[in-house]
Amino acid sequence: MKIQPTFNSASFAAVLGTVGIMTASPSIAQLSTAFRNVFFRTQNYGVQIVWRGGGPYMTVSNNGWRVMVDAPAKILPPRGVADNWTTYTAASGDYLATVRVGPAGEGTIAITLAGKRITEEYAKRALREKIGTAKTPVQSGTVFELQTEEYAIRVYRQKSDLLMNLYNRKTETIVLKQAPVTLANTSEAIVYRHDGKVSVQAREDVRGVRSLFIIQDNQIQYRGEGY
């Protein structure tokens, strides 16, 4: 059953109670950030929170290595009357991740390992703002994101189509925009591929390592790993 966002705090609390999520009179801004898929990256971490079956699930990777995958998450109470951020928490083994998302899409992640906080990082916003200036369509179904030293790539679903945006970070230019993508799921990797004058392949292998290949005339012009 798909749950739609509502601005009624009573019904919000009732719905979250059915999936065991902690609530405490969320503000209007918090209601707008809950029930929303979250994707952002910091210097070392990639964060993904996806809503399924009425509850959020968190995946966290550290420089390409996943420290938790689809861990059930909880929404914590606000940290004060003026707190309009949504706070998610999820645990996997000795790892505890606390993710905070602001009303404008800001993000932070704090990682605790065996009860000791080891890092707290903020999302990189500059790249998202540059990509946003290209006036790309709303990408409500992002399925893959990757940043290497030279490129940023995003694969997303728009209606029934898979599309790709590719951004050159060094030249600050958009290489591909709304390029059609085919999906190949093998025993070794998931591959998102665009074939045109240049073939672009975004891959995630079974270890969770993400990489980008740019191929022209059957020659690899670029290969890079990232997060």
C-alpha atoms as a PDB file:
ATOM      1  CA  MET A   1       0.000   0.000   0.000  1.00  0.00           C
ATOM      2  CA  LYS A   2       1.444   3.353  -0.999  1.00  0.00           C
ATOM      3  CA  ILE A   3       1.045   6.052   1.639  1.00  0.00           C
ATOM      4  CA  GLN A   4       0.661   9.600   0.398  1.00  0.00           C
ATOM      5  CA  PRO A   5       2.019  12.554   2.388  1.00  0.00           C
ATOM      6  CA  THR A   6      -0.484  14.517   4.419  1.00  0.00           C
ATOM      7  CA  PHE A   7      -0.262  17.732   6.346  1.00  0.00           C
ATOM      8  CA  ASN A   8      -2.560  16.504   9.115  1.00  0.00           C
ATOM      9  CA  SER A   9      -0.324  15.817  12.115  1.00  0.00           C
ATOM     10  CA  ALA A  10      -2.801  13.442  13.746  1.00  0.00           C
ATOM     11  CA  SER A  11      -3.100  11.183  10.709  1.00  0.00           C
ATOM     12  CA  PHE A  12       0.671  11.413  10.194  1.00  0.00           C
ATOM     13  CA  ALA A  13       1.306  10.086  13.697  1.00  0.00           C
ATOM     14  CA  ALA A  14      -1.305   7.377  13.271  1.00  0.00           C
ATOM     15  CA  VAL A  15       0.198   6.143  10.016  1.00  0.00           C
ATOM     16  CA  LEU A  16       3.754   6.106  11.341  1.00  0.00           C
ATOM     17  CA  GLY A  17       2.595   4.290  14.433  1.00  0.00           C
ATOM     18  CA  THR A  18       1.484   1.361  12.276  1.00  0.00           C
ATOM     19  CA  VAL A  19       5.061   0.804  11.121  1.00  0.00           C
ATOM     20  CA  GLY A  20       6.699   1.340  14.494  1.00  0.00           C
ATOM     21  CA  ILE A  21       8.266   4.742  13.799  1.00  0.00           C
ATOM     22  CA  MET A  22       8.760   7.217  16.626  1.00  0.00           C
ATOM     23  CA  THR A  23       6.957  10.530  16.199  1.00  0.00           C
ATOM     24  CA  ALA A  24       6.530  13.761  18.112  1.00  0.00           C
ATOM     25  CA  SER A  25       4.196  16.380  16.628  1.00  0.00           C
ATOM     26  CA  PRO A  26       6.151  17.077  13.420  1.00  0.00           C
ATOM     27  CA  SER A  27       6.104  20.560  11.965  1.00  0.00           C
ATOM     28  CA  ILE A  28       4.831  21.402   8.478  1.00  0.00           C
ATOM     29  CA  ALA A  29       8.415  21.460   7.163  1.00  0.00           C
ATOM     30  CA  GLN A  30       9.102  18.030   8.632  1.00  0.00           C
ATOM     31  CA  LEU A  31       5.979  16.619   7.031  1.00  0.00           C
ATOM     32  CA  SER A  32       7.235  17.834   3.658  1.00  0.00           C
ATOM     33  CA  THR A  33      10.563  16.011   4.080  1.00  0.00           C
ATOM     34  CA  ALA A  34       9.115  12.750   5.421  1.00  0.00           C
ATOM     35  CA  PHE A  35       7.755  10.186   2.935  1.00  0.00           C
ATOM     36  CA  ARG A  36      10.333  11.506   0.471  1.00  0.00           C
ATOM     37  CA  ASN A  37      13.150   9.434  -0.978  1.00  0.00           C
ATOM     38  CA  VAL A  38      16.528  10.847   0.036  1.00  0.00           C
ATOM     39  CA  PHE A  39      19.761  10.738  -1.967  1.00  0.00           C
ATOM     40  CA  PHE A  40      22.884  12.707  -1.135  1.00  0.00           C
ATOM     41  CA  ARG A  41      26.640  12.347  -0.900  1.00  0.00           C
ATOM     42  CA  THR A  42      29.251  13.738   1.432  1.00  0.00           C
ATOM     43  CA  GLN A  43      33.007  13.622   1.012  1.00  0.00           C
ATOM     44  CA  ASN A  44      33.172   9.957   2.010  1.00  0.00           C
ATOM     45  CA  TYR A  45      29.610   8.657   2.285  1.00  0.00           C
ATOM     46  CA  GLY A  46      26.661   8.012   0.021  1.00  0.00           C
ATOM     47  CA  VAL A  47      23.198   8.015   1.611  1.00  0.00           C
ATOM     48  CA  GLN A  48      19.993   6.587   0.188  1.00  0.00           C
ATOM     49  CA  ILE A  49      16.658   6.408   2.013  1.00  0.00           C
ATOM     50  CA  VAL A  50      13.802   4.803   0.110  1.00  0.00           C
ATOM     51  CA  TRP A  51      10.210   4.454   1.282  1.00  0.00           C
ATOM     52  CA  ARG A  52       8.666   1.019   0.750  1.00  0.00           C
ATOM     53  CA  GLY A  53       5.533  -0.466   2.238  1.00  0.00           C
ATOM     54  CA  GLY A  54       4.957   2.603   4.392  1.00  0.00           C
ATOM     55  CA  GLY A  55       8.421   2.670   5.974  1.00  0.00           C
ATOM     56  CA  PRO A  56      11.886   4.089   5.216  1.00  0.00           C
ATOM     57  CA  TYR A  57      14.895   1.880   4.434  1.00  0.00           C
ATOM     58  CA  MET A  58      18.452   3.194   4.549  1.00  0.00           C
ATOM     59  CA  THR A  59      21.533   2.267   2.516  1.00  0.00           C
ATOM     60  CA  VAL A  60      24.904   3.826   3.368  1.00  0.00           C
ATOM     61  CA  SER A  61      28.159   3.380   1.454  1.00  0.00           C
ATOM     62  CA  ASN A  62      31.641   4.494   2.468  1.00  0.00           C
ATOM     63  CA  ASN A  63      33.760   5.284  -0.608  1.00  0.00           C
ATOM     64  CA  GLY A  64      31.948   2.605  -2.593  1.00  0.00           C
ATOM     65  CA  TRP A  65      31.773  -0.011   0.184  1.00  0.00           C
ATOM     66  CA  ARG A  66      28.329  -0.489   1.665  1.00  0.00           C
ATOM     67  CA  VAL A  67      28.221  -0.425   5.449  1.00  0.00           C
ATOM     68  CA  MET A  68      24.459  -1.008   5.537  1.00  0.00           C
ATOM     69  CA  VAL A  69      21.974  -2.092   2.899  1.00  0.00           C
ATOM     70  CA  ASP A  70      18.206  -1.561   3.115  1.00  0.00           C
ATOM     71  CA  ALA A  71      18.289  -1.280   6.896  1.00  0.00           C
ATOM     72  CA  PRO A  72      14.866  -0.417   8.384  1.00  0.00           C
ATOM     73  CA  ALA A  73      14.995   3.198   9.575  1.00  0.00           C
ATOM     74  CA  LYS A  74      13.100   5.191  12.171  1.00  0.00           C
ATOM     75  CA  ILE A  75      12.130   8.846  12.256  1.00  0.00           C
ATOM     76  CA  LEU A  76      13.195  10.460  15.522  1.00  0.00           C
ATOM     77  CA  PRO A  77      11.342  13.254  17.338  1.00  0.00           C
ATOM     78  CA  PRO A  78      12.337  16.882  16.615  1.00  0.00           C
ATOM     79  CA  ARG A  79      15.322  18.208  18.559  1.00  0.00           C
ATOM     80  CA  GLY A  80      13.408  21.265  19.626  1.00  0.00           C
ATOM     81  CA  VAL A  81      10.410  23.444  18.848  1.00  0.00           C
ATOM     82  CA  ALA A  82      12.249  25.200  16.007  1.00  0.00           C
ATOM     83  CA  ASP A  83      13.719  22.019  14.501  1.00  0.00           C
ATOM     84  CA  ASN A  84      12.269  21.643  10.995  1.00  0.00           C
ATOM     85  CA  TRP A  85      14.675  18.918   9.868  1.00  0.00           C
ATOM     86  CA  THR A  86      13.704  15.245   9.609  1.00  0.00           C
ATOM     87  CA  THR A  87      16.002  12.859  11.488  1.00  0.00           C
ATOM     88  CA  TYR A  88      16.336   9.227  10.415  1.00  0.00           C
ATOM     89  CA  THR A  89      18.302   6.539  12.215  1.00  0.00           C
ATOM     90  CA  ALA A  90      19.168   2.981  11.228  1.00  0.00           C
ATOM     91  CA  ALA A  91      21.487   0.290  12.553  1.00  0.00           C
ATOM     92  CA  SER A  92      23.390  -2.571  10.956  1.00  0.00           C
ATOM     93  CA  GLY A  93      25.711  -4.639  13.114  1.00  0.00           C
ATOM     94  CA  ASP A  94      27.926  -2.241  15.081  1.00  0.00           C
ATOM     95  CA  TYR A  95      27.102   0.655  12.743  1.00  0.00           C
ATOM     96  CA  LEU A  96      24.513   3.265  13.667  1.00  0.00           C
ATOM     97  CA  ALA A  97      23.734   5.971  11.103  1.00  0.00           C
ATOM     98  CA  THR A  98      21.873   9.166  11.949  1.00  0.00           C
ATOM     99  CA  VAL A  99      20.777  11.135   8.894  1.00  0.00           C
ATOM    100  CA  ARG A 100      19.204  14.588   9.020  1.00  0.00           C
ATOM    101  CA  VAL A 101      17.435  16.146   6.037  1.00  0.00           C
ATOM    102  CA  GLY A 102      16.476  19.808   5.839  1.00  0.00           C
ATOM    103  CA  PRO A 103      13.431  21.307   4.091  1.00  0.00           C
ATOM    104  CA  ALA A 104      15.601  22.542   1.195  1.00  0.00           C
ATOM    105  CA  GLY A 105      17.261  19.153   0.709  1.00  0.00           C
ATOM    106  CA  GLU A 106      20.273  19.750   2.943  1.00  0.00           C
ATOM    107  CA  GLY A 107      21.714  16.591   4.445  1.00  0.00           C
ATOM    108  CA  THR A 108      24.059  15.417   7.187  1.00  0.00           C
ATOM    109  CA  ILE A 109      25.135  11.972   8.301  1.00  0.00           C
ATOM    110  CA  ALA A 110      26.703  10.915  11.593  1.00  0.00           C
ATOM    111  CA  ILE A 111      28.178   7.418  11.946  1.00  0.00           C
ATOM    112  CA  THR A 112      28.626   5.647  15.262  1.00  0.00           C
ATOM    113  CA  LEU A 113      30.662   2.436  15.411  1.00  0.00           C
ATOM    114  CA  ALA A 114      30.416   0.240  18.503  1.00  0.00           C
ATOM    115  CA  GLY A 115      28.991   3.161  20.471  1.00  0.00           C
ATOM    116  CA  LYS A 116      31.681   5.665  19.427  1.00  0.00           C
ATOM    117  CA  ARG A 117      30.972   8.441  16.935  1.00  0.00           C
ATOM    118  CA  ILE A 118      33.547   8.227  14.153  1.00  0.00           C
ATOM    119  CA  THR A 119      32.378  10.899  11.715  1.00  0.00           C
ATOM    120  CA  GLU A 120      29.814  13.556  10.886  1.00  0.00           C
ATOM    121  CA  GLU A 121      29.682  14.969   7.365  1.00  0.00           C
ATOM    122  CA  TYR A 122      27.562  17.384   5.367  1.00  0.00           C
ATOM    123  CA  ALA A 123      26.160  16.780   1.900  1.00  0.00           C
ATOM    124  CA  LYS A 124      27.886  18.306  -1.089  1.00  0.00           C
ATOM    125  CA  ARG A 125      25.452  20.901  -2.400  1.00  0.00           C
ATOM    126  CA  ALA A 126      27.477  22.754  -5.072  1.00  0.00           C
ATOM    127  CA  LEU A 127      27.302  19.947  -7.612  1.00  0.00           C
ATOM    128  CA  ARG A 128      23.561  19.514  -7.179  1.00  0.00           C
ATOM    129  CA  GLU A 129      23.046  23.245  -7.682  1.00  0.00           C
ATOM    130  CA  LYS A 130      25.067  23.227 -10.917  1.00  0.00           C
ATOM    131  CA  ILE A 131      23.136  20.261 -12.280  1.00  0.00           C
ATOM    132  CA  GLY A 132      19.923  22.017 -11.280  1.00  0.00           C
ATOM    133  CA  THR A 133      20.752  25.005 -13.481  1.00  0.00           C
ATOM    134  CA  ALA A 134      20.358  22.772 -16.524  1.00  0.00           C
ATOM    135  CA  LYS A 135      16.595  22.730 -15.867  1.00  0.00           C
ATOM    136  CA  THR A 136      16.374  18.965 -15.993  1.00  0.00           C
ATOM    137  CA  PRO A 137      12.991  17.379 -15.236  1.00  0.00           C
ATOM    138  CA  VAL A 138      12.022  16.398 -11.725  1.00  0.00           C
ATOM    139  CA  GLN A 139      13.888  13.177 -11.060  1.00  0.00           C
ATOM    140  CA  SER A 140      11.540  11.532  -8.631  1.00  0.00           C
ATOM    141  CA  GLY A 141      12.822   8.054  -9.393  1.00  0.00           C
ATOM    142  CA  THR A 142      16.609   8.253  -9.019  1.00  0.00           C
ATOM    143  CA  VAL A 143      18.023   4.729  -9.200  1.00  0.00           C
ATOM    144  CA  PHE A 144      21.788   5.327  -9.465  1.00  0.00           C
ATOM    145  CA  GLU A 145      24.193   8.146  -8.627  1.00  0.00           C
ATOM    146  CA  LEU A 146      27.968   8.308  -8.884  1.00  0.00           C
ATOM    147  CA  GLN A 147      30.694  10.914  -8.528  1.00  0.00           C
ATOM    148  CA  THR A 148      34.233  10.311  -9.752  1.00  0.00           C
ATOM    149  CA  GLU A 149      37.072  12.827  -9.830  1.00  0.00           C
ATOM    150  CA  GLU A 150      35.985  14.056 -13.262  1.00  0.00           C
ATOM    151  CA  TYR A 151      32.307  13.177 -13.672  1.00  0.00           C
ATOM    152  CA  ALA A 152      28.960  13.033 -11.926  1.00  0.00           C
ATOM    153  CA  ILE A 153      26.289  10.725 -13.287  1.00  0.00           C
ATOM    154  CA  ARG A 154      22.671  10.173 -12.373  1.00  0.00           C
ATOM    155  CA  VAL A 155      20.309   7.530 -13.718  1.00  0.00           C
ATOM    156  CA  TYR A 156      16.645   8.065 -12.989  1.00  0.00           C
ATOM    157  CA  ARG A 157      13.249   6.762 -13.941  1.00  0.00           C
ATOM    158  CA  GLN A 158      10.722   9.069 -15.569  1.00  0.00           C
ATOM    159  CA  LYS A 159       7.422   7.273 -16.006  1.00  0.00           C
ATOM    160  CA  SER A 160       8.450   4.002 -17.689  1.00  0.00           C
ATOM    161  CA  ASP A 161      11.761   5.287 -19.101  1.00  0.00           C
ATOM    162  CA  LEU A 162      15.270   5.082 -17.665  1.00  0.00           C
ATOM    163  CA  LEU A 163      17.267   8.240 -18.409  1.00  0.00           C
ATOM    164  CA  MET A 164      20.811   9.421 -17.769  1.00  0.00           C
ATOM    165  CA  ASN A 165      22.437  12.776 -17.030  1.00  0.00           C
ATOM    166  CA  LEU A 166      26.238  13.042 -17.210  1.00  0.00           C
ATOM    167  CA  TYR A 167      28.105  16.098 -15.947  1.00  0.00           C
ATOM    168  CA  ASN A 168      31.804  16.876 -16.452  1.00  0.00           C
ATOM    169  CA  ARG A 169      32.979  18.321 -13.147  1.00  0.00           C
ATOM    170  CA  LYS A 170      36.279  19.651 -14.504  1.00  0.00           C
ATOM    171  CA  THR A 171      34.874  21.537 -17.494  1.00  0.00           C
ATOM    172  CA  GLU A 172      31.534  22.222 -15.747  1.00  0.00           C
ATOM    173  CA  THR A 173      29.591  21.068 -18.792  1.00  0.00           C
ATOM    174  CA  ILE A 174      26.643  18.732 -19.260  1.00  0.00           C
ATOM    175  CA  VAL A 175      27.688  15.824 -21.474  1.00  0.00           C
ATOM    176  CA  LEU A 176      24.363  13.964 -21.543  1.00  0.00           C
ATOM    177  CA  LYS A 177      20.883  15.110 -20.627  1.00  0.00           C
ATOM    178  CA  GLN A 178      17.832  12.829 -20.544  1.00  0.00           C
ATOM    179  CA  ALA A 179      19.747  10.191 -22.514  1.00  0.00           C
ATOM    180  CA  PRO A 180      17.900   6.845 -22.821  1.00  0.00           C
ATOM    181  CA  VAL A 181      19.337   3.968 -20.809  1.00  0.00           C
ATOM    182  CA  THR A 182      19.162   0.189 -20.976  1.00  0.00           C
ATOM    183  CA  LEU A 183      19.581  -1.943 -17.866  1.00  0.00           C
ATOM    184  CA  ALA A 184      21.569  -5.175 -17.676  1.00  0.00           C
ATOM    185  CA  ASN A 185      21.583  -7.190 -14.453  1.00  0.00           C
ATOM    186  CA  THR A 186      24.271  -9.890 -14.438  1.00  0.00           C
ATOM    187  CA  SER A 187      25.764 -12.108 -11.751  1.00  0.00           C
ATOM    188  CA  GLU A 188      28.727  -9.720 -11.514  1.00  0.00           C
ATOM    189  CA  ALA A 189      27.190  -6.257 -11.739  1.00  0.00           C
ATOM    190  CA  ILE A 190      24.226  -4.032 -12.470  1.00  0.00           C
ATOM    191  CA  VAL A 191      24.968  -1.989 -15.602  1.00  0.00           C
ATOM    192  CA  TYR A 192      23.142   1.145 -16.771  1.00  0.00           C
ATOM    193  CA  ARG A 193      24.148   1.799 -20.373  1.00  0.00           C
ATOM    194  CA  HIS A 194      23.607   4.551 -22.922  1.00  0.00           C
ATOM    195  CA  ASP A 195      24.680   3.904 -26.511  1.00  0.00           C
ATOM    196  CA  GLY A 196      25.132   6.851 -28.857  1.00  0.00           C
ATOM    197  CA  LYS A 197      28.148   8.426 -30.496  1.00  0.00           C
ATOM    198  CA  VAL A 198      29.787   7.531 -27.220  1.00  0.00           C
ATOM    199  CA  SER A 199      28.833   4.586 -25.024  1.00  0.00           C
ATOM    200  CA  VAL A 200      28.466   5.407 -21.326  1.00  0.00           C
ATOM    201  CA  GLN A 201      28.243   2.616 -18.775  1.00  0.00           C
ATOM    202  CA  ALA A 202      27.532   3.112 -15.076  1.00  0.00           C
ATOM    203  CA  ARG A 203      28.178  -0.057 -13.084  1.00  0.00           C
ATOM    204  CA  GLU A 204      27.752  -1.345  -9.553  1.00  0.00           C
ATOM    205  CA  ASP A 205      29.392  -4.691  -8.869  1.00  0.00           C
ATOM    206  CA  VAL A 206      28.491  -7.292  -6.253  1.00  0.00           C
ATOM    207  CA  ARG A 207      30.861  -5.645  -3.730  1.00  0.00           C
ATOM    208  CA  GLY A 208      28.975  -2.364  -4.026  1.00  0.00           C
ATOM    209  CA  VAL A 209      31.806  -0.653  -5.937  1.00  0.00           C
ATOM    210  CA  ARG A 210      30.494   1.880  -8.444  1.00  0.00           C
ATOM    211  CA  SER A 211      32.350   2.787 -11.625  1.00  0.00           C
ATOM    212  CA  LEU A 212      31.927   4.757 -14.835  1.00  0.00           C
ATOM    213  CA  PHE A 213      33.131   3.746 -18.310  1.00  0.00           C
ATOM    214  CA  ILE A 214      33.107   6.009 -21.369  1.00  0.00           C
ATOM    215  CA  ILE A 215      33.765   4.085 -24.584  1.00  0.00           C
ATOM    216  CA  GLN A 216      34.263   5.384 -28.117  1.00  0.00           C
ATOM    217  CA  ASP A 217      35.235   3.372 -31.212  1.00  0.00           C
ATOM    218  CA  ASN A 218      35.515   0.283 -28.999  1.00  0.00           C
ATOM    219  CA  GLN A 219      38.205   2.001 -26.933  1.00  0.00           C
ATOM    220  CA  ILE A 220      37.837   2.933 -23.265  1.00  0.00           C
ATOM    221  CA  GLN A 221      38.271   6.704 -23.150  1.00  0.00           C
ATOM    222  CA  TYR A 222      37.591   7.019 -19.439  1.00  0.00           C
ATOM    223  CA  ARG A 223      37.308   4.702 -16.472  1.00  0.00           C
ATOM    224  CA  GLY A 224      36.801   5.853 -12.911  1.00  0.00           C
ATOM    225  CA  GLU A 225      35.458   4.662  -9.580  1.00  0.00           C
ATOM    226  CA  GLY A 226      33.709   6.838  -7.048  1.00  0.00           C
ATOM    227  CA  TYR A 227      30.981   7.053  -4.476  1.00  0.00           C
END
